[in-house]
C-alpha atoms as a PDB file:
ATOM      1  CA  UNK A   1     -25.260   0.319  63.271  1.00  0.00           C
ATOM      2  CA  UNK A   2     -27.016  -2.720  62.367  1.00  0.00           C
ATOM      3  CA  UNK A   3     -24.621  -5.143  60.366  1.00  0.00           C
ATOM      4  CA  UNK A   4     -27.954  -7.028  58.693  1.00  0.00           C
ATOM      5  CA  UNK A   5     -28.409  -3.562  57.306  1.00  0.00           C
ATOM      6  CA  UNK A   6     -24.789  -2.653  56.418  1.00  0.00           C
ATOM      7  CA  UNK A   7     -24.805  -6.033  54.301  1.00  0.00           C
ATOM      8  CA  UNK A   8     -28.239  -5.617  53.352  1.00  0.00           C
ATOM      9  CA  UNK A   9     -28.019  -2.375  51.894  1.00  0.00           C
ATOM     10  CA  UNK A  10     -24.384  -3.837  49.916  1.00  0.00           C
ATOM     11  CA  UNK A  11     -26.360  -6.229  48.489  1.00  0.00           C
ATOM     12  CA  UNK A  12     -29.355  -4.405  48.074  1.00  0.00           C
ATOM     13  CA  UNK A  13     -27.784  -1.358  45.667  1.00  0.00           C
ATOM     14  CA  UNK A  14     -25.007  -3.332  44.319  1.00  0.00           C
ATOM     15  CA  UNK A  15     -28.506  -5.124  42.632  1.00  0.00           C
ATOM     16  CA  UNK A  16     -30.220  -2.705  41.400  1.00  0.00           C
ATOM     17  CA  UNK A  17     -26.962  -1.073  40.009  1.00  0.00           C
ATOM     18  CA  UNK A  18     -26.286  -4.060  37.973  1.00  0.00           C
ATOM     19  CA  UNK A  19     -30.389  -4.368  36.820  1.00  0.00           C
ATOM     20  CA  UNK A  20     -29.381  -1.481  35.068  1.00  0.00           C
ATOM     21  CA  UNK A  21     -27.472  -3.116  32.394  1.00  0.00           C
ATOM     22  CA  UNK A  22     -30.986  -4.634  31.214  1.00  0.00           C
ATOM     23  CA  UNK A  23     -31.431  -4.189  27.652  1.00  0.00           C
ATOM     24  CA  UNK A  24     -28.125  -2.311  27.632  1.00  0.00           C
ATOM     25  CA  UNK A  25     -25.092  -5.313  28.442  1.00  0.00           C
ATOM     26  CA  UNK A  26     -22.675  -5.470  25.247  1.00  0.00           C
ATOM     27  CA  UNK A  27     -23.851  -8.874  24.462  1.00  0.00           C
ATOM     28  CA  UNK A  28     -26.886 -10.832  25.169  1.00  0.00           C
ATOM     29  CA  UNK A  29     -25.265 -13.814  27.407  1.00  0.00           C
ATOM     30  CA  UNK A  30     -23.886 -11.196  29.055  1.00  0.00           C
ATOM     31  CA  UNK A  31     -27.597  -9.541  30.047  1.00  0.00           C
ATOM     32  CA  UNK A  32     -28.218 -12.913  31.367  1.00  0.00           C
ATOM     33  CA  UNK A  33     -25.158 -13.403  33.619  1.00  0.00           C
ATOM     34  CA  UNK A  34     -25.856  -9.457  35.201  1.00  0.00           C
ATOM     35  CA  UNK A  35     -29.543 -10.507  35.643  1.00  0.00           C
ATOM     36  CA  UNK A  36     -28.595 -12.905  37.140  1.00  0.00           C
ATOM     37  CA  UNK A  37     -25.855 -11.806  39.607  1.00  0.00           C
ATOM     38  CA  UNK A  38     -28.604  -8.842  40.277  1.00  0.00           C
ATOM     39  CA  UNK A  39     -30.955 -11.377  41.483  1.00  0.00           C
ATOM     40  CA  UNK A  40     -28.675 -13.497  43.578  1.00  0.00           C
ATOM     41  CA  UNK A  41     -27.883 -10.427  45.357  1.00  0.00           C
ATOM     42  CA  UNK A  42     -31.568  -9.251  45.751  1.00  0.00           C
ATOM     43  CA  UNK A  43     -32.417 -12.363  47.721  1.00  0.00           C
ATOM     44  CA  UNK A  44     -29.331 -11.797  49.942  1.00  0.00           C
ATOM     45  CA  UNK A  45     -30.569  -8.300  50.852  1.00  0.00           C
ATOM     46  CA  UNK A  46     -34.400  -9.109  51.363  1.00  0.00           C
ATOM     47  CA  UNK A  47     -33.125 -12.499  53.797  1.00  0.00           C
ATOM     48  CA  UNK A  48     -31.122  -9.416  55.440  1.00  0.00           C
ATOM     49  CA  UNK A  49     -33.292  -6.628  55.823  1.00  0.00           C
ATOM     50  CA  UNK A  50     -36.094  -8.725  57.053  1.00  0.00           C
ATOM     51  CA  UNK A  51     -33.719  -8.512  59.785  1.00  0.00           C
ATOM     52  CA  UNK A  52     -34.048  -5.516  60.398  1.00  0.00           C
ATOM     53  CA  UNK A  53     -37.418  -4.426  59.832  1.00  0.00           C
ATOM     54  CA  UNK A  54     -40.374  -4.804  56.470  1.00  0.00           C
ATOM     55  CA  UNK A  55     -37.653  -5.297  53.601  1.00  0.00           C
ATOM     56  CA  UNK A  56     -40.113  -2.912  51.352  1.00  0.00           C
ATOM     57  CA  UNK A  57     -40.386  -0.214  54.100  1.00  0.00           C
ATOM     58  CA  UNK A  58     -36.265  -0.293  54.212  1.00  0.00           C
ATOM     59  CA  UNK A  59     -36.093  -0.238  50.726  1.00  0.00           C
ATOM     60  CA  UNK A  60     -38.472   2.340  49.462  1.00  0.00           C
ATOM     61  CA  UNK A  61     -38.998   4.783  52.088  1.00  0.00           C
ATOM     62  CA  UNK A  62     -36.391   5.518  53.888  1.00  0.00           C
ATOM     63  CA  UNK A  63     -34.085   9.006  53.217  1.00  0.00           C
ATOM     64  CA  UNK A  64     -30.504   8.450  51.574  1.00  0.00           C
ATOM     65  CA  UNK A  65     -28.598   9.189  55.020  1.00  0.00           C
ATOM     66  CA  UNK A  66     -30.071   6.117  56.433  1.00  0.00           C
ATOM     67  CA  UNK A  67     -28.425   3.802  53.817  1.00  0.00           C
ATOM     68  CA  UNK A  68     -25.996   2.276  55.111  1.00  0.00           C
ATOM     69  CA  UNK A  69     -24.060   0.306  52.086  1.00  0.00           C
ATOM     70  CA  UNK A  70     -20.355   1.069  50.880  1.00  0.00           C
ATOM     71  CA  UNK A  71     -19.232   3.468  49.020  1.00  0.00           C
ATOM     72  CA  UNK A  72     -18.156   1.491  46.091  1.00  0.00           C
ATOM     73  CA  UNK A  73     -21.138  -0.803  45.414  1.00  0.00           C
ATOM     74  CA  UNK A  74     -23.241   2.530  44.564  1.00  0.00           C
ATOM     75  CA  UNK A  75     -20.322   3.757  42.068  1.00  0.00           C
ATOM     76  CA  UNK A  76     -22.333   3.969  38.355  1.00  0.00           C
ATOM     77  CA  UNK A  77     -21.930   1.701  35.941  1.00  0.00           C
ATOM     78  CA  UNK A  78     -19.768   3.583  33.679  1.00  0.00           C
ATOM     79  CA  UNK A  79     -18.547   1.424  30.772  1.00  0.00           C
ATOM     80  CA  UNK A  80     -18.597  -2.224  30.687  1.00  0.00           C
ATOM     81  CA  UNK A  81     -14.830  -2.872  32.050  1.00  0.00           C
ATOM     82  CA  UNK A  82     -16.076  -0.502  34.646  1.00  0.00           C
ATOM     83  CA  UNK A  83     -18.694  -2.726  36.361  1.00  0.00           C
ATOM     84  CA  UNK A  84     -16.457  -5.571  35.968  1.00  0.00           C
ATOM     85  CA  UNK A  85     -13.707  -3.675  38.367  1.00  0.00           C
ATOM     86  CA  UNK A  86     -16.146  -2.809  40.651  1.00  0.00           C
ATOM     87  CA  UNK A  87     -17.886  -6.491  40.282  1.00  0.00           C
ATOM     88  CA  UNK A  88     -14.154  -7.781  40.914  1.00  0.00           C
ATOM     89  CA  UNK A  89     -13.579  -5.686  44.292  1.00  0.00           C
ATOM     90  CA  UNK A  90     -16.940  -6.261  45.511  1.00  0.00           C
ATOM     91  CA  UNK A  91     -17.266 -10.166  45.432  1.00  0.00           C
ATOM     92  CA  UNK A  92     -14.021 -10.682  46.411  1.00  0.00           C
ATOM     93  CA  UNK A  93     -14.579  -9.284  49.644  1.00  0.00           C
ATOM     94  CA  UNK A  94     -17.677 -10.400  49.808  1.00  0.00           C
ATOM     95  CA  UNK A  95     -16.838 -14.418  49.385  1.00  0.00           C
ATOM     96  CA  UNK A  96     -13.630 -13.744  51.787  1.00  0.00           C
ATOM     97  CA  UNK A  97     -16.600 -11.712  54.385  1.00  0.00           C
ATOM     98  CA  UNK A  98     -18.845 -15.061  54.081  1.00  0.00           C
ATOM     99  CA  UNK A  99     -16.631 -17.858  54.379  1.00  0.00           C
ATOM    100  CA  UNK A 100     -15.484 -16.113  57.442  1.00  0.00           C
ATOM    101  CA  UNK A 101     -19.124 -15.816  58.746  1.00  0.00           C
ATOM    102  CA  UNK A 102     -20.164 -19.307  57.658  1.00  0.00           C
ATOM    103  CA  UNK A 103     -17.632 -20.664  60.049  1.00  0.00           C
ATOM    104  CA  UNK A 104     -18.189 -18.324  62.829  1.00  0.00           C
ATOM    105  CA  UNK A 105     -21.318 -19.533  63.599  1.00  0.00           C
ATOM    106  CA  UNK A 106     -23.343 -16.300  64.635  1.00  0.00           C
ATOM    107  CA  UNK A 107     -26.681 -15.122  63.321  1.00  0.00           C
ATOM    108  CA  UNK A 108     -25.706 -14.987  59.821  1.00  0.00           C
ATOM    109  CA  UNK A 109     -23.890 -18.423  59.507  1.00  0.00           C
ATOM    110  CA  UNK A 110     -26.749 -19.303  57.606  1.00  0.00           C
ATOM    111  CA  UNK A 111     -26.785 -17.072  55.219  1.00  0.00           C
ATOM    112  CA  UNK A 112     -23.461 -16.804  54.713  1.00  0.00           C
ATOM    113  CA  UNK A 113     -23.016 -20.924  54.268  1.00  0.00           C
ATOM    114  CA  UNK A 114     -25.617 -20.751  51.647  1.00  0.00           C
ATOM    115  CA  UNK A 115     -24.933 -17.322  49.578  1.00  0.00           C
ATOM    116  CA  UNK A 116     -20.896 -18.172  49.383  1.00  0.00           C
ATOM    117  CA  UNK A 117     -21.849 -20.462  46.789  1.00  0.00           C
ATOM    118  CA  UNK A 118     -23.607 -17.519  44.744  1.00  0.00           C
ATOM    119  CA  UNK A 119     -20.786 -14.770  45.399  1.00  0.00           C
ATOM    120  CA  UNK A 120     -17.797 -17.477  44.455  1.00  0.00           C
ATOM    121  CA  UNK A 121     -19.817 -17.334  40.758  1.00  0.00           C
ATOM    122  CA  UNK A 122     -20.019 -13.660  41.133  1.00  0.00           C
ATOM    123  CA  UNK A 123     -15.997 -13.894  41.803  1.00  0.00           C
ATOM    124  CA  UNK A 124     -15.178 -16.079  39.401  1.00  0.00           C
ATOM    125  CA  UNK A 125     -17.294 -14.262  36.365  1.00  0.00           C
ATOM    126  CA  UNK A 126     -15.490 -10.635  37.419  1.00  0.00           C
ATOM    127  CA  UNK A 127     -12.126 -12.503  37.574  1.00  0.00           C
ATOM    128  CA  UNK A 128     -12.743 -13.860  34.194  1.00  0.00           C
ATOM    129  CA  UNK A 129     -13.652 -10.972  32.476  1.00  0.00           C
ATOM    130  CA  UNK A 130     -10.496  -8.745  34.593  1.00  0.00           C
ATOM    131  CA  UNK A 131      -8.443 -11.576  32.620  1.00  0.00           C
ATOM    132  CA  UNK A 132     -10.226 -11.009  29.140  1.00  0.00           C
ATOM    133  CA  UNK A 133     -10.118  -7.443  29.115  1.00  0.00           C
ATOM    134  CA  UNK A 134      -6.695  -6.759  30.421  1.00  0.00           C
ATOM    135  CA  UNK A 135      -5.034  -9.177  28.541  1.00  0.00           C
ATOM    136  CA  UNK A 136      -7.285  -8.796  25.266  1.00  0.00           C
ATOM    137  CA  UNK A 137      -6.853  -5.704  22.981  1.00  0.00           C
ATOM    138  CA  UNK A 138      -5.187  -2.403  23.673  1.00  0.00           C
ATOM    139  CA  UNK A 139      -8.564  -0.441  24.133  1.00  0.00           C
ATOM    140  CA  UNK A 140      -9.820  -2.936  26.442  1.00  0.00           C
ATOM    141  CA  UNK A 141      -6.719  -3.093  28.158  1.00  0.00           C
ATOM    142  CA  UNK A 142      -6.514   1.230  28.692  1.00  0.00           C
ATOM    143  CA  UNK A 143     -10.389   0.847  29.734  1.00  0.00           C
ATOM    144  CA  UNK A 144      -9.974  -2.075  32.327  1.00  0.00           C
ATOM    145  CA  UNK A 145      -6.573  -0.287  33.815  1.00  0.00           C
ATOM    146  CA  UNK A 146      -8.547   3.053  33.444  1.00  0.00           C
ATOM    147  CA  UNK A 147     -11.603   1.432  35.661  1.00  0.00           C
ATOM    148  CA  UNK A 148      -9.347  -0.054  38.745  1.00  0.00           C
ATOM    149  CA  UNK A 149      -7.638   2.861  39.533  1.00  0.00           C
ATOM    150  CA  UNK A 150     -10.644   4.724  39.591  1.00  0.00           C
ATOM    151  CA  UNK A 151     -12.637   2.591  41.751  1.00  0.00           C
ATOM    152  CA  UNK A 152      -9.623   1.736  44.225  1.00  0.00           C
ATOM    153  CA  UNK A 153     -10.484   4.807  46.526  1.00  0.00           C
ATOM    154  CA  UNK A 154     -13.312   3.051  46.992  1.00  0.00           C
ATOM    155  CA  UNK A 155     -11.609  -0.196  48.924  1.00  0.00           C
ATOM    156  CA  UNK A 156     -10.693   1.001  52.089  1.00  0.00           C
ATOM    157  CA  UNK A 157     -14.090   1.610  53.430  1.00  0.00           C
ATOM    158  CA  UNK A 158     -14.781  -2.819  53.411  1.00  0.00           C
ATOM    159  CA  UNK A 159     -12.050  -3.430  55.769  1.00  0.00           C
ATOM    160  CA  UNK A 160     -13.744  -1.303  58.835  1.00  0.00           C
ATOM    161  CA  UNK A 161     -15.372  -3.314  61.496  1.00  0.00           C
ATOM    162  CA  UNK A 162     -18.957  -3.516  61.764  1.00  0.00           C
ATOM    163  CA  UNK A 163     -20.475  -3.805  65.042  1.00  0.00           C
ATOM    164  CA  UNK A 164     -22.017  -7.352  65.014  1.00  0.00           C
ATOM    165  CA  UNK A 165     -19.925  -9.127  62.734  1.00  0.00           C
ATOM    166  CA  UNK A 166     -17.546 -11.283  64.286  1.00  0.00           C
ATOM    167  CA  UNK A 167     -14.905 -11.249  61.618  1.00  0.00           C
ATOM    168  CA  UNK A 168     -11.031 -10.962  61.559  1.00  0.00           C
ATOM    169  CA  UNK A 169     -10.904  -7.534  59.382  1.00  0.00           C
ATOM    170  CA  UNK A 170      -6.896  -7.646  58.776  1.00  0.00           C
ATOM    171  CA  UNK A 171      -7.116 -11.173  57.855  1.00  0.00           C
ATOM    172  CA  UNK A 172      -9.906 -10.223  55.505  1.00  0.00           C
ATOM    173  CA  UNK A 173      -7.911  -7.697  53.997  1.00  0.00           C
ATOM    174  CA  UNK A 174      -4.516  -9.435  53.449  1.00  0.00           C
ATOM    175  CA  UNK A 175      -7.023 -12.087  51.714  1.00  0.00           C
ATOM    176  CA  UNK A 176      -8.987  -9.666  49.986  1.00  0.00           C
ATOM    177  CA  UNK A 177      -5.532  -7.537  48.424  1.00  0.00           C
ATOM    178  CA  UNK A 178      -3.525 -11.151  47.617  1.00  0.00           C
ATOM    179  CA  UNK A 179      -6.859 -11.985  46.023  1.00  0.00           C
ATOM    180  CA  UNK A 180      -7.056  -9.240  43.916  1.00  0.00           C
ATOM    181  CA  UNK A 181      -3.246  -8.589  43.040  1.00  0.00           C
ATOM    182  CA  UNK A 182      -3.311 -12.144  41.882  1.00  0.00           C
ATOM    183  CA  UNK A 183      -6.004 -11.736  39.293  1.00  0.00           C
ATOM    184  CA  UNK A 184      -4.732  -7.849  38.160  1.00  0.00           C
ATOM    185  CA  UNK A 185      -1.645  -9.512  37.328  1.00  0.00           C
ATOM    186  CA  UNK A 186      -2.290 -13.018  35.965  1.00  0.00           C
ATOM    187  CA  UNK A 187      -4.231  -9.471  33.590  1.00  0.00           C
ATOM    188  CA  UNK A 188      -1.424  -7.930  32.514  1.00  0.00           C
ATOM    189  CA  UNK A 189      -2.623  -5.787  34.730  1.00  0.00           C
ATOM    190  CA  UNK A 190      -1.055  -3.165  37.909  1.00  0.00           C
ATOM    191  CA  UNK A 191      -1.935  -2.721  40.890  1.00  0.00           C
ATOM    192  CA  UNK A 192      -3.481   0.967  41.943  1.00  0.00           C
ATOM    193  CA  UNK A 193      -0.825   3.170  43.218  1.00  0.00           C
ATOM    194  CA  UNK A 194      -1.625   5.516  46.225  1.00  0.00           C
ATOM    195  CA  UNK A 195       0.794   7.830  44.707  1.00  0.00           C
ATOM    196  CA  UNK A 196      -1.486   8.133  41.384  1.00  0.00           C
ATOM    197  CA  UNK A 197      -5.171   7.293  42.257  1.00  0.00           C
ATOM    198  CA  UNK A 198      -5.618   8.706  45.576  1.00  0.00           C
ATOM    199  CA  UNK A 199      -4.929   7.239  49.235  1.00  0.00           C
ATOM    200  CA  UNK A 200      -6.692   3.960  49.603  1.00  0.00           C
ATOM    201  CA  UNK A 201      -9.665   5.997  51.441  1.00  0.00           C
ATOM    202  CA  UNK A 202     -11.911   4.983  54.382  1.00  0.00           C
ATOM    203  CA  UNK A 203     -15.081   6.189  53.070  1.00  0.00           C
ATOM    204  CA  UNK A 204     -17.949   6.847  55.115  1.00  0.00           C
ATOM    205  CA  UNK A 205     -21.030   4.832  53.490  1.00  0.00           C
ATOM    206  CA  UNK A 206     -21.631   2.953  56.190  1.00  0.00           C
ATOM    207  CA  UNK A 207     -22.163   5.885  58.512  1.00  0.00           C
ATOM    208  CA  UNK A 208     -24.453   7.453  55.433  1.00  0.00           C
ATOM    209  CA  UNK A 209     -22.770   9.790  53.611  1.00  0.00           C
ATOM    210  CA  UNK A 210     -22.903   8.909  49.974  1.00  0.00           C
ATOM    211  CA  UNK A 211     -21.616   9.999  46.889  1.00  0.00           C
ATOM    212  CA  UNK A 212     -23.383  12.021  44.733  1.00  0.00           C
ATOM    213  CA  UNK A 213     -24.876   9.978  42.091  1.00  0.00           C
ATOM    214  CA  UNK A 214     -25.831   7.426  45.006  1.00  0.00           C
ATOM    215  CA  UNK A 215     -28.923  10.425  45.339  1.00  0.00           C
ATOM    216  CA  UNK A 216     -29.708   9.943  41.535  1.00  0.00           C
ATOM    217  CA  UNK A 217     -30.256   6.032  41.489  1.00  0.00           C
ATOM    218  CA  UNK A 218     -32.058   5.867  45.024  1.00  0.00           C
ATOM    219  CA  UNK A 219     -34.748   8.525  43.503  1.00  0.00           C
ATOM    220  CA  UNK A 220     -35.436   6.098  40.620  1.00  0.00           C
ATOM    221  CA  UNK A 221     -35.498   2.821  42.427  1.00  0.00           C
ATOM    222  CA  UNK A 222     -38.023   4.283  44.986  1.00  0.00           C
ATOM    223  CA  UNK A 223     -40.180   6.351  42.694  1.00  0.00           C
ATOM    224  CA  UNK A 224     -42.910   3.598  41.710  1.00  0.00           C
ATOM    225  CA  UNK A 225     -43.083   2.719  45.341  1.00  0.00           C
ATOM    226  CA  UNK A 226     -43.042   6.707  46.777  1.00  0.00           C
ATOM    227  CA  UNK A 227     -45.618   7.133  43.658  1.00  0.00           C
ATOM    228  CA  UNK A 228     -48.089   4.529  44.770  1.00  0.00           C
ATOM    229  CA  UNK A 229     -48.070   4.555  48.532  1.00  0.00           C
ATOM    230  CA  UNK A 230     -49.521   0.809  49.462  1.00  0.00           C
ATOM    231  CA  UNK A 231     -49.921  -0.324  46.104  1.00  0.00           C
ATOM    232  CA  UNK A 232     -49.912  -3.906  46.094  1.00  0.00           C
ATOM    233  CA  UNK A 233     -49.230  -6.634  42.767  1.00  0.00           C
END
C-alpha cells in the first residue's frame, strides 16, 4: 500500500464529507469554516494523490475496495456534534502525524511542514466546538457525548503502521490519547469506555474494507465524472 495513497484518501474522503455541510450548517459562519477546512484537505489530497498517479482518475475512477482511507473519515456527518467529534479525533491525529513527518526529512516532509499549520487550525476549531457543546446545554452535552462514544471504535485504526511512513506509532498513539483526553475532560465529557462503546478496534479501511455508508458516498462523489467521461471544465 502506498503511504501517499493512504494519506491522500484520508484527506479526500473527509473533504467530501465536510463539503456535504454546504447549505446545511447550523450558522453561516460555520458553513464557511467547514468549507475552508474541506478545501484545505482537498489541497492535501491533490498533492498526495499526484505522488501516485493522475489525481482525477484516482479520485473518480477507482472502485470502493481500491481506496485506502481510514474508516473514521468515511463515517456520515450525522448531527453537528457527530461531525465535530470525527474532526476532533482525526485532526488531532493528523497534526501529530504531520509534525513527525515534517521533522523526519522524508518525501512527505515538505507537504507536512506546510500542512501542519492548516491542520492546527482544524484541530483548534474542533476543540473549541467540543468545549462549547460538551459544557453547554444538557442537550448539547448529551449529543456530544453520544458522538464521542459512537466514533471511538474507529480510532484504533489510525495507529496501525503504514509502510513508507517513518513514524513512532506508539508515541503518536500516546500523544493523541493525551490530547483528546484533555479536551474531553475540559468539556465535561467522559472519555469513552471500551466496556460500553466496544473495543478500540483496528478497522480495515487501510486494507480496502469499508463501512456501508462509504459506498453511497463514493457513488455520489464519482457520479458526475463517470456520467461524462473525458469531460473538461
